[in-house]
Amino acid sequence: MNIESEMRHRLTAAFAPERLEVVNESHRHAGHSGDDGSGESHFAVLIRSAALAPLGRVARHRAVHQALGDLVGRIHALAIDAA
């Protein structure tokens, strides 16, 4: 399973989101710092979930990082828009 699919799976399992977008933006960073040539180095996540709504911004980001677990260490950059 590729990283994008695994991210979708883990975030869906953790938060049962009403809306989830996982976008691989690696192609936009080709040749830049952090580009490991895998095509799976930079991602953006938009997630809307009742489970995240009562949390503050930092707590939402921490919850997303926790749900993604070891995947966070396998990528260079992760932009999160969570509510």
Protein backbone atom coordinates (compact mmCIF):
# COMPACT_ATOMS: atom_id res chain seq x y z
CA MET A 1 0.00 0.00 0.00
CA ASN A 2 1.40 3.43 -0.87
CA ILE A 3 1.72 6.19 1.74
CA GLU A 4 -1.27 8.18 0.45
CA SER A 5 -3.58 5.15 0.72
CA GLU A 6 -2.23 4.24 4.14
CA MET A 7 -2.79 7.82 5.36
CA ARG A 8 -6.41 7.66 4.17
CA HIS A 9 -6.92 4.32 5.88
CA ARG A 10 -5.44 5.41 9.22
CA LEU A 11 -7.24 8.77 9.33
CA THR A 12 -10.57 7.19 8.43
CA ALA A 13 -10.14 4.54 11.13
CA ALA A 14 -9.15 7.09 13.78
CA PHE A 15 -11.65 9.88 13.09
CA ALA A 16 -14.52 8.66 10.85
CA PRO A 17 -14.30 11.98 9.00
CA GLU A 18 -17.17 13.66 7.21
CA ARG A 19 -14.60 14.95 4.72
CA LEU A 20 -11.10 13.73 4.01
CA GLU A 21 -8.69 14.78 1.30
CA VAL A 22 -5.15 13.44 1.15
CA VAL A 23 -3.15 15.07 -1.62
CA ASN A 24 0.29 13.95 -2.70
CA GLU A 25 2.11 17.20 -3.51
CA SER A 26 5.52 15.59 -4.03
CA HIS A 27 5.64 16.48 -7.72
CA ARG A 28 5.57 20.18 -6.75
CA HIS A 29 8.77 19.72 -4.74
CA ALA A 30 10.86 17.65 -7.14
CA GLY A 31 14.51 18.57 -6.78
CA HIS A 32 13.91 20.57 -3.60
CA SER A 33 15.20 19.81 -0.14
CA GLY A 34 13.45 16.78 1.28
CA ASP A 35 12.64 15.25 -2.10
CA ASP A 36 13.92 11.70 -1.80
CA GLY A 37 12.90 10.76 -5.34
CA SER A 38 10.20 8.36 -4.12
CA GLY A 39 7.31 10.56 -5.23
CA GLU A 40 5.92 10.25 -1.68
CA SER A 41 7.64 12.98 0.30
CA HIS A 42 5.16 15.89 0.57
CA PHE A 43 1.47 15.63 1.49
CA ALA A 44 -1.46 17.85 2.37
CA VAL A 45 -4.39 16.63 4.47
CA LEU A 46 -7.77 18.28 4.82
CA ILE A 47 -9.93 16.56 7.42
CA ARG A 48 -13.30 17.42 8.94
CA SER A 49 -14.43 15.25 11.82
CA ALA A 50 -16.68 15.61 14.85
CA ALA A 51 -13.90 13.93 16.82
CA LEU A 52 -11.52 16.80 16.05
CA ALA A 53 -13.97 19.70 16.23
CA PRO A 54 -13.77 20.33 20.00
CA LEU A 55 -9.96 20.35 20.02
CA GLY A 56 -7.73 23.38 19.59
CA ARG A 57 -5.53 23.72 16.52
CA VAL A 58 -2.39 22.27 18.12
CA ALA A 59 -4.33 19.36 19.67
CA ARG A 60 -5.93 18.57 16.28
CA HIS A 61 -2.50 18.48 14.63
CA ARG A 62 -1.13 16.26 17.39
CA ALA A 63 -4.11 13.90 17.01
CA VAL A 64 -3.53 13.63 13.26
CA HIS A 65 0.19 12.97 13.80
CA GLN A 66 -0.64 10.30 16.39
CA ALA A 67 -3.13 8.60 14.06
CA LEU A 68 -0.56 8.57 11.24
CA GLY A 69 2.09 7.12 13.54
CA ASP A 70 5.26 5.98 11.76
CA LEU A 71 4.12 7.45 8.43
CA VAL A 72 5.06 10.92 9.68
CA GLY A 73 8.68 9.82 9.92
CA ARG A 74 8.61 8.43 6.38
CA ILE A 75 7.71 11.74 4.70
CA HIS A 76 9.38 15.13 4.57
CA ALA A 77 6.40 17.50 4.84
CA LEU A 78 2.77 17.35 5.93
CA ALA A 79 0.37 20.28 5.69
CA ILE A 80 -2.70 19.78 7.88
CA ASP A 81 -6.05 21.58 7.69
CA ALA A 82 -8.11 19.96 10.43
CA ALA A 83 -11.40 20.88 12.06
